[in-house]
C-alpha cells in the first residue's frame, strides 16, 4: 500500500513536468523548423513562451518566408558615428565584427518575435512579403512591419504598388505606406 502511494506521489509530479515541458517547448514545431532548415532552438521557444509570444505563429511565419526564399535584409545604419578603421589582422576584432553584424541583422525569427511583441501580426508581414516577391515588387522587411504596426494591410500596399506599375504611375513605397496608413486610420474611425 505504501509503495503504491509513493509511486503515485512520484508519478504525478513527473506527469506534470512532462506536460509543462511539452507546453513550453513544442517538439513538433522544432521538427517542422528543422525540416524547413530554419534555426530554432528549444531556448528560443521557451523564451517566446515566457515573453508571451505564441511560438507557433512566429515559427510558422519564418518557415513560410524561408520556403519562399525571403531573408530579411539588414537594417541600414542611420547617421551613426563610424568606428575607426582597423588595419590589423586580429582574431578578436573579427569576432567583434561578427557580433556587430549579428546585431545589425538578427535572424527573421527574432525580428518577427519582436514585431509580435510590439503588437504586430507576423502572419500579415510574411503574407505581404511573399506576395511582394510573387509580384516582383521590392518591399523591405522593416516597411512591411511598419505597415502592419500602423494598422495597415501589407497585401493592399503591394497590390497598390503593382497597380501603379501597370498604369505607369510613379508611386514609391513611402507614399504607398503613408496612403495605406491614412486609409486605415480613417476606416477605423480614429482621427487625431
Protein backbone atom coordinates (compact mmCIF):
# COMPACT_ATOMS: atom_id res chain seq x y z
CA UNK A 1 0.00 0.00 0.00
CA UNK A 2 2.79 2.44 0.91
CA UNK A 3 4.66 1.60 -2.29
CA UNK A 4 1.55 2.39 -4.34
CA UNK A 5 1.13 5.74 -2.61
CA UNK A 6 4.84 6.51 -3.04
CA UNK A 7 4.74 5.55 -6.74
CA UNK A 8 1.63 7.69 -7.25
CA UNK A 9 3.24 10.60 -5.37
CA UNK A 10 6.27 10.40 -7.68
CA UNK A 11 4.26 9.84 -10.85
CA UNK A 12 2.05 12.94 -10.50
CA UNK A 13 4.95 15.47 -10.49
CA UNK A 14 6.65 13.65 -13.37
CA UNK A 15 3.47 13.83 -15.46
CA UNK A 16 3.05 17.49 -14.53
CA UNK A 17 6.64 18.25 -15.58
CA UNK A 18 6.19 16.41 -18.89
CA UNK A 19 3.05 18.40 -19.66
CA UNK A 20 4.80 21.66 -18.71
CA UNK A 21 7.82 20.75 -20.84
CA UNK A 22 5.56 19.91 -23.81
CA UNK A 23 3.78 23.26 -23.45
CA UNK A 24 6.99 25.26 -23.11
CA UNK A 25 8.78 23.53 -25.96
CA UNK A 26 6.55 22.07 -28.68
CA UNK A 27 8.67 19.32 -30.23
CA UNK A 28 6.56 19.23 -33.41
CA UNK A 29 7.46 22.86 -34.05
CA UNK A 30 11.17 22.12 -33.72
CA UNK A 31 10.81 19.21 -36.15
CA UNK A 32 8.90 21.38 -38.66
CA UNK A 33 11.53 24.11 -38.40
CA UNK A 34 14.38 21.62 -38.82
CA UNK A 35 12.70 20.15 -41.90
CA UNK A 36 12.50 23.65 -43.41
CA UNK A 37 16.12 24.38 -42.39
CA UNK A 38 15.10 27.17 -40.02
CA UNK A 39 17.27 27.51 -36.94
CA UNK A 40 15.06 27.30 -33.86
CA UNK A 41 16.46 26.26 -30.53
CA UNK A 42 14.45 24.98 -27.58
CA UNK A 43 15.58 28.08 -25.67
CA UNK A 44 14.06 30.28 -28.40
CA UNK A 45 10.69 28.60 -27.92
CA UNK A 46 10.85 28.68 -24.13
CA UNK A 47 11.85 32.36 -24.25
CA UNK A 48 8.90 33.12 -26.53
CA UNK A 49 6.52 31.42 -24.10
CA UNK A 50 7.88 33.41 -21.17
CA UNK A 51 7.64 36.67 -23.13
CA UNK A 52 4.01 35.93 -24.01
CA UNK A 53 4.62 35.28 -27.72
CA UNK A 54 2.88 32.42 -29.50
CA UNK A 55 5.81 30.40 -30.90
CA UNK A 56 3.58 28.64 -33.44
CA UNK A 57 2.65 31.94 -35.11
CA UNK A 58 6.22 33.21 -35.30
CA UNK A 59 7.92 29.96 -36.34
CA UNK A 60 5.29 29.13 -38.98
CA UNK A 61 5.72 32.63 -40.47
CA UNK A 62 9.51 32.20 -40.54
CA UNK A 63 9.13 28.78 -42.19
CA UNK A 64 6.89 30.27 -44.89
CA UNK A 65 9.40 33.08 -45.52
CA UNK A 66 12.26 30.57 -45.74
CA UNK A 67 10.31 28.37 -48.17
CA UNK A 68 9.61 31.42 -50.33
CA UNK A 69 13.33 32.26 -50.32
CA UNK A 70 12.93 35.51 -48.39
CA UNK A 71 15.57 36.61 -45.90
CA UNK A 72 15.08 39.95 -44.14
CA UNK A 73 17.71 42.40 -45.30
CA UNK A 74 19.97 44.05 -42.74
CA UNK A 75 18.84 47.33 -41.29
CA UNK A 76 20.70 50.24 -42.79
CA UNK A 77 22.55 52.11 -40.09
CA UNK A 78 21.44 55.71 -39.78
CA UNK A 79 23.71 58.63 -39.15
CA UNK A 80 25.75 56.80 -36.59
CA UNK A 81 29.38 57.65 -35.95
CA UNK A 82 31.60 55.27 -37.88
CA UNK A 83 34.25 53.39 -35.92
CA UNK A 84 37.91 53.98 -36.65
CA UNK A 85 39.44 51.85 -39.36
CA UNK A 86 41.38 48.85 -38.15
CA UNK A 87 44.49 47.79 -40.05
CA UNK A 88 45.48 44.70 -38.05
CA UNK A 89 44.61 41.06 -38.56
CA UNK A 90 43.38 40.30 -35.07
CA UNK A 91 41.00 37.38 -34.38
CA UNK A 92 39.39 39.31 -31.54
CA UNK A 93 38.47 42.13 -33.91
CA UNK A 94 36.95 39.62 -36.34
CA UNK A 95 34.80 38.22 -33.53
CA UNK A 96 33.62 41.72 -32.65
CA UNK A 97 32.73 42.35 -36.29
CA UNK A 98 30.73 39.11 -36.42
CA UNK A 99 28.86 40.05 -33.25
CA UNK A 100 28.13 43.54 -34.60
CA UNK A 101 26.89 42.07 -37.88
CA UNK A 102 24.54 39.76 -35.98
CA UNK A 103 23.03 42.65 -34.04
CA UNK A 104 22.55 44.70 -37.22
CA UNK A 105 20.84 41.75 -38.92
CA UNK A 106 19.19 39.44 -36.39
CA UNK A 107 17.55 36.30 -37.79
CA UNK A 108 13.99 36.51 -39.10
CA UNK A 109 12.79 34.53 -36.08
CA UNK A 110 13.92 37.22 -33.64
CA UNK A 111 12.71 40.07 -35.84
CA UNK A 112 9.22 38.57 -36.18
CA UNK A 113 9.12 37.82 -32.46
CA UNK A 114 9.97 41.46 -31.73
CA UNK A 115 7.30 42.51 -34.21
CA UNK A 116 4.67 40.43 -32.42
CA UNK A 117 5.81 41.79 -29.05
CA UNK A 118 5.29 45.30 -30.46
CA UNK A 119 1.69 44.40 -31.28
CA UNK A 120 2.12 43.31 -34.89
CA UNK A 121 0.97 40.23 -36.75
CA UNK A 122 3.83 38.08 -38.12
CA UNK A 123 1.43 36.31 -40.49
CA UNK A 124 0.46 39.62 -42.13
CA UNK A 125 4.12 40.53 -42.60
CA UNK A 126 5.01 37.11 -44.03
CA UNK A 127 1.99 37.11 -46.36
CA UNK A 128 2.82 40.61 -47.59
CA UNK A 129 6.48 39.83 -48.23
CA UNK A 130 5.62 36.61 -50.06
CA UNK A 131 3.02 38.42 -52.17
CA UNK A 132 5.52 41.19 -52.97
CA UNK A 133 8.06 38.63 -54.12
CA UNK A 134 5.45 36.90 -56.32
CA UNK A 135 4.58 40.24 -57.94
CA UNK A 136 8.27 41.22 -58.24
CA UNK A 137 7.89 44.26 -56.01
CA UNK A 138 10.70 45.35 -53.73
CA UNK A 139 9.30 45.55 -50.21
CA UNK A 140 11.68 45.79 -47.28
CA UNK A 141 11.04 43.78 -44.14
CA UNK A 142 11.01 46.92 -41.99
CA UNK A 143 8.48 48.55 -44.33
CA UNK A 144 6.16 45.54 -44.10
CA UNK A 145 6.46 45.66 -40.31
CA UNK A 146 5.76 49.39 -40.16
CA UNK A 147 2.65 48.99 -42.32
CA UNK A 148 1.37 46.22 -40.07
CA UNK A 149 2.15 48.03 -36.81
CA UNK A 150 0.43 51.15 -38.15
CA UNK A 151 -2.76 49.16 -38.72
CA UNK A 152 -2.45 48.90 -42.49
CA UNK A 153 -2.75 45.92 -44.79
CA UNK A 154 0.59 44.87 -46.31
CA UNK A 155 -1.02 42.97 -49.18
CA UNK A 156 -3.13 46.01 -50.10
CA UNK A 157 0.04 48.13 -50.32
CA UNK A 158 1.66 45.52 -52.57
CA UNK A 159 -1.45 45.47 -54.77
CA UNK A 160 -1.44 49.28 -54.97
CA UNK A 161 2.24 49.30 -55.97
CA UNK A 162 1.59 46.71 -58.67
CA UNK A 163 -1.43 48.62 -59.98
CA UNK A 164 0.64 51.81 -60.14
CA UNK A 165 3.36 49.95 -62.03
CA UNK A 166 0.82 48.57 -64.54
CA UNK A 167 -0.55 52.06 -65.18
CA UNK A 168 2.94 53.60 -65.42
CA UNK A 169 2.23 55.81 -62.43
CA UNK A 170 5.20 56.68 -60.26
CA UNK A 171 4.40 55.59 -56.71
CA UNK A 172 7.25 54.94 -54.33
CA UNK A 173 6.98 52.71 -51.29
CA UNK A 174 6.98 55.59 -48.79
CA UNK A 175 4.00 57.26 -50.47
CA UNK A 176 2.14 53.94 -50.67
CA UNK A 177 2.77 53.31 -46.98
CA UNK A 178 1.56 56.75 -45.92
CA UNK A 179 -1.57 56.42 -48.09
CA UNK A 180 -2.33 52.98 -46.61
CA UNK A 181 -1.82 54.17 -43.05
CA UNK A 182 -4.02 57.21 -43.63
CA UNK A 183 -6.73 54.99 -45.12
CA UNK A 184 -6.52 52.52 -42.26
CA UNK A 185 -6.80 55.30 -39.67
CA UNK A 186 -9.84 56.73 -41.45
CA UNK A 187 -11.53 53.35 -41.79
CA UNK A 188 -11.12 52.58 -38.08
CA UNK A 189 -12.55 55.95 -37.17
CA UNK A 190 -9.56 57.11 -35.18
CA UNK A 191 -8.51 60.61 -36.11
CA UNK A 192 -6.09 62.68 -34.12
